[in-house]
Amino acid sequence: MQLFIRAQALHTLQVSGTETVAQLKERVAALPGAPPAEDQVLLFAGTPLHDEDVVGQTPPLPEFATLDLTTRLLGG
């Protein structure tokens, strides 16, 4: 399945559907200009995805879904 990652630019990733969000973040971190995986927050429809979530399950991401990439903010 294909997913779109919207950051400063739009990127397309081919994923299996059995990958975890943490594995997806590692792949995103390899893209030019992307932040390290531990600083990333991936959102689908405004909802943050958890590292242990599987891309094809709970909640399943549809084919061609667009994920928004933001970073964690320091502070309290």
N, C-alpha and C. Protein backbone atom coordinates (compact mmCIF):
# COMPACT_ATOMS: atom_id res chain seq x y z
N MET A 1 0.84 -1.17 0.00
CA MET A 1 0.00 0.00 0.00
C MET A 1 0.88 1.24 0.00
N GLN A 2 0.36 2.32 -0.52
CA GLN A 2 1.10 3.58 -0.55
C GLN A 2 0.53 4.53 0.48
N LEU A 3 1.45 5.23 1.15
CA LEU A 3 1.08 6.29 2.08
C LEU A 3 1.80 7.56 1.67
N PHE A 4 1.15 8.68 1.89
CA PHE A 4 1.76 9.98 1.64
C PHE A 4 2.12 10.59 2.99
N ILE A 5 3.32 11.13 3.07
CA ILE A 5 3.79 11.80 4.28
C ILE A 5 3.92 13.28 3.96
N ARG A 6 3.12 14.10 4.66
CA ARG A 6 3.15 15.54 4.42
C ARG A 6 4.00 16.19 5.50
N ALA A 7 5.15 16.71 5.09
CA ALA A 7 6.05 17.44 5.99
C ALA A 7 6.30 18.78 5.30
N GLN A 8 7.57 19.18 5.17
CA GLN A 8 7.86 20.38 4.40
C GLN A 8 7.64 20.12 2.91
N ALA A 9 7.74 18.86 2.54
CA ALA A 9 7.43 18.42 1.18
C ALA A 9 6.55 17.17 1.30
N LEU A 10 5.94 16.76 0.21
CA LEU A 10 5.11 15.56 0.22
C LEU A 10 5.95 14.38 -0.26
N HIS A 11 5.97 13.31 0.52
CA HIS A 11 6.74 12.11 0.19
C HIS A 11 5.78 10.94 0.06
N THR A 12 6.13 9.98 -0.78
CA THR A 12 5.34 8.77 -0.95
C THR A 12 6.16 7.58 -0.46
N LEU A 13 5.55 6.75 0.37
CA LEU A 13 6.20 5.54 0.86
C LEU A 13 5.36 4.32 0.51
N GLN A 14 6.03 3.27 0.09
CA GLN A 14 5.38 1.98 -0.15
C GLN A 14 5.54 1.17 1.14
N VAL A 15 4.44 0.76 1.75
CA VAL A 15 4.49 0.01 3.00
C VAL A 15 3.72 -1.30 2.85
N SER A 16 4.04 -2.25 3.74
CA SER A 16 3.43 -3.57 3.65
C SER A 16 2.10 -3.67 4.37
N GLY A 17 1.87 -2.83 5.35
CA GLY A 17 0.66 -2.93 6.15
C GLY A 17 0.90 -3.71 7.44
N THR A 18 2.05 -4.40 7.52
CA THR A 18 2.39 -5.13 8.75
C THR A 18 3.45 -4.40 9.55
N GLU A 19 3.89 -3.25 9.06
CA GLU A 19 4.90 -2.46 9.76
C GLU A 19 4.26 -1.70 10.92
N THR A 20 5.04 -1.46 11.96
CA THR A 20 4.55 -0.63 13.06
C THR A 20 4.80 0.84 12.71
N VAL A 21 4.16 1.71 13.45
CA VAL A 21 4.36 3.15 13.25
C VAL A 21 5.81 3.50 13.56
N ALA A 22 6.41 2.84 14.55
CA ALA A 22 7.82 3.09 14.88
C ALA A 22 8.73 2.76 13.69
N GLN A 23 8.45 1.65 12.99
CA GLN A 23 9.23 1.30 11.80
C GLN A 23 9.00 2.32 10.69
N LEU A 24 7.78 2.79 10.56
CA LEU A 24 7.47 3.81 9.57
C LEU A 24 8.23 5.10 9.86
N LYS A 25 8.32 5.47 11.13
CA LYS A 25 9.07 6.67 11.52
C LYS A 25 10.54 6.54 11.16
N GLU A 26 11.11 5.35 11.32
CA GLU A 26 12.51 5.13 10.94
C GLU A 26 12.70 5.34 9.44
N ARG A 27 11.75 4.89 8.65
CA ARG A 27 11.84 5.09 7.20
C ARG A 27 11.70 6.57 6.85
N VAL A 28 10.82 7.26 7.54
CA VAL A 28 10.63 8.69 7.30
C VAL A 28 11.90 9.45 7.69
N ALA A 29 12.56 9.03 8.78
CA ALA A 29 13.78 9.70 9.23
C ALA A 29 14.89 9.66 8.18
N ALA A 30 14.85 8.66 7.31
CA ALA A 30 15.85 8.53 6.25
C ALA A 30 15.60 9.50 5.09
N LEU A 31 14.43 10.14 5.05
CA LEU A 31 14.13 11.07 3.97
C LEU A 31 14.91 12.37 4.18
N PRO A 32 15.25 13.05 3.09
CA PRO A 32 16.01 14.30 3.22
C PRO A 32 15.27 15.35 4.05
N GLY A 33 15.97 15.90 5.04
CA GLY A 33 15.41 16.97 5.85
C GLY A 33 14.44 16.54 6.93
N ALA A 34 14.21 15.23 7.07
CA ALA A 34 13.26 14.75 8.09
C ALA A 34 13.93 14.70 9.46
N PRO A 35 13.16 14.95 10.51
CA PRO A 35 13.72 14.88 11.86
C PRO A 35 13.98 13.43 12.28
N PRO A 36 14.78 13.22 13.32
CA PRO A 36 15.00 11.86 13.82
C PRO A 36 13.68 11.22 14.26
N ALA A 37 13.62 9.90 14.18
CA ALA A 37 12.39 9.17 14.49
C ALA A 37 11.85 9.47 15.89
N GLU A 38 12.74 9.64 16.86
CA GLU A 38 12.28 9.86 18.24
C GLU A 38 11.64 11.23 18.42
N ASP A 39 11.85 12.15 17.50
CA ASP A 39 11.24 13.49 17.58
C ASP A 39 9.97 13.62 16.73
N GLN A 40 9.63 12.58 15.98
CA GLN A 40 8.50 12.66 15.06
C GLN A 40 7.17 12.35 15.74
N VAL A 41 6.14 13.03 15.26
CA VAL A 41 4.75 12.70 15.60
C VAL A 41 4.03 12.56 14.27
N LEU A 42 3.47 11.38 14.00
CA LEU A 42 2.69 11.16 12.78
C LEU A 42 1.21 11.23 13.13
N LEU A 43 0.47 12.00 12.35
CA LEU A 43 -0.96 12.20 12.58
C LEU A 43 -1.75 11.69 11.39
N PHE A 44 -2.87 11.04 11.67
CA PHE A 44 -3.82 10.67 10.63
C PHE A 44 -5.16 11.26 11.02
N ALA A 45 -5.70 12.12 10.18
CA ALA A 45 -6.97 12.81 10.43
C ALA A 45 -6.93 13.54 11.77
N GLY A 46 -5.77 14.13 12.09
CA GLY A 46 -5.63 14.91 13.31
C GLY A 46 -5.37 14.09 14.57
N THR A 47 -5.32 12.76 14.44
CA THR A 47 -5.11 11.89 15.59
C THR A 47 -3.69 11.35 15.57
N PRO A 48 -2.94 11.50 16.68
CA PRO A 48 -1.57 10.96 16.70
C PRO A 48 -1.57 9.44 16.66
N LEU A 49 -0.62 8.89 15.91
CA LEU A 49 -0.45 7.44 15.84
C LEU A 49 0.59 7.02 16.86
N HIS A 50 0.36 5.90 17.54
CA HIS A 50 1.27 5.40 18.56
C HIS A 50 2.30 4.47 17.93
N ASP A 51 3.51 4.48 18.47
CA ASP A 51 4.61 3.69 17.92
C ASP A 51 4.28 2.21 17.79
N GLU A 52 3.50 1.67 18.71
CA GLU A 52 3.22 0.23 18.69
C GLU A 52 2.07 -0.13 17.75
N ASP A 53 1.37 0.86 17.20
CA ASP A 53 0.28 0.58 16.26
C ASP A 53 0.83 -0.04 14.98
N VAL A 54 0.10 -0.99 14.42
CA VAL A 54 0.46 -1.60 13.14
C VAL A 54 -0.30 -0.84 12.05
N VAL A 55 0.40 -0.50 10.98
CA VAL A 55 -0.17 0.34 9.93
C VAL A 55 -1.48 -0.22 9.38
N GLY A 56 -1.58 -1.53 9.21
CA GLY A 56 -2.78 -2.14 8.63
C GLY A 56 -3.85 -2.50 9.64
N GLN A 57 -3.64 -2.17 10.92
CA GLN A 57 -4.60 -2.52 11.98
C GLN A 57 -4.78 -1.33 12.91
N THR A 58 -5.71 -1.41 13.77
CA THR A 58 -6.02 -0.50 14.90
C THR A 58 -5.47 0.92 14.83
N PRO A 59 -6.02 1.89 14.26
CA PRO A 59 -7.03 1.81 13.21
C PRO A 59 -6.35 1.56 11.87
N PRO A 60 -6.95 0.80 10.99
CA PRO A 60 -6.30 0.56 9.70
C PRO A 60 -6.23 1.84 8.88
N LEU A 61 -5.07 2.08 8.32
CA LEU A 61 -4.92 3.25 7.44
C LEU A 61 -5.33 2.85 6.04
N PRO A 62 -6.15 3.64 5.39
CA PRO A 62 -6.58 3.30 4.03
C PRO A 62 -5.44 3.48 3.03
N GLU A 63 -5.55 2.77 1.93
CA GLU A 63 -4.61 2.95 0.81
C GLU A 63 -4.59 4.42 0.43
N PHE A 64 -3.42 4.96 0.17
CA PHE A 64 -3.22 6.35 -0.24
C PHE A 64 -3.57 7.36 0.86
N ALA A 65 -3.51 6.95 2.11
CA ALA A 65 -3.76 7.87 3.23
C ALA A 65 -2.64 8.90 3.29
N THR A 66 -2.96 10.09 3.74
CA THR A 66 -1.96 11.13 3.95
C THR A 66 -1.74 11.30 5.45
N LEU A 67 -0.49 11.16 5.86
CA LEU A 67 -0.10 11.33 7.26
C LEU A 67 0.63 12.66 7.38
N ASP A 68 0.30 13.42 8.41
CA ASP A 68 0.98 14.68 8.66
C ASP A 68 2.12 14.42 9.63
N LEU A 69 3.29 14.97 9.32
CA LEU A 69 4.47 14.82 10.15
C LEU A 69 4.73 16.12 10.91
N THR A 70 4.76 16.03 12.23
CA THR A 70 5.14 17.16 13.07
C THR A 70 6.24 16.67 14.00
N THR A 71 6.78 17.57 14.78
CA THR A 71 7.82 17.20 15.73
C THR A 71 7.36 17.51 17.15
N ARG A 72 7.96 16.81 18.08
CA ARG A 72 7.66 17.06 19.49
C ARG A 72 8.22 18.43 19.87
N LEU A 73 7.51 19.12 20.73
CA LEU A 73 7.93 20.43 21.19
C LEU A 73 8.50 20.32 22.59
N LEU A 74 9.58 21.03 22.83
CA LEU A 74 10.16 21.07 24.16
C LEU A 74 9.36 22.01 25.04
N GLY A 75 9.32 21.72 26.30
CA GLY A 75 8.62 22.61 27.21
C GLY A 75 7.63 21.85 28.05
N GLY A 76 6.91 22.56 28.84
CA GLY A 76 6.01 21.86 29.72
C GLY A 76 4.81 22.66 29.97
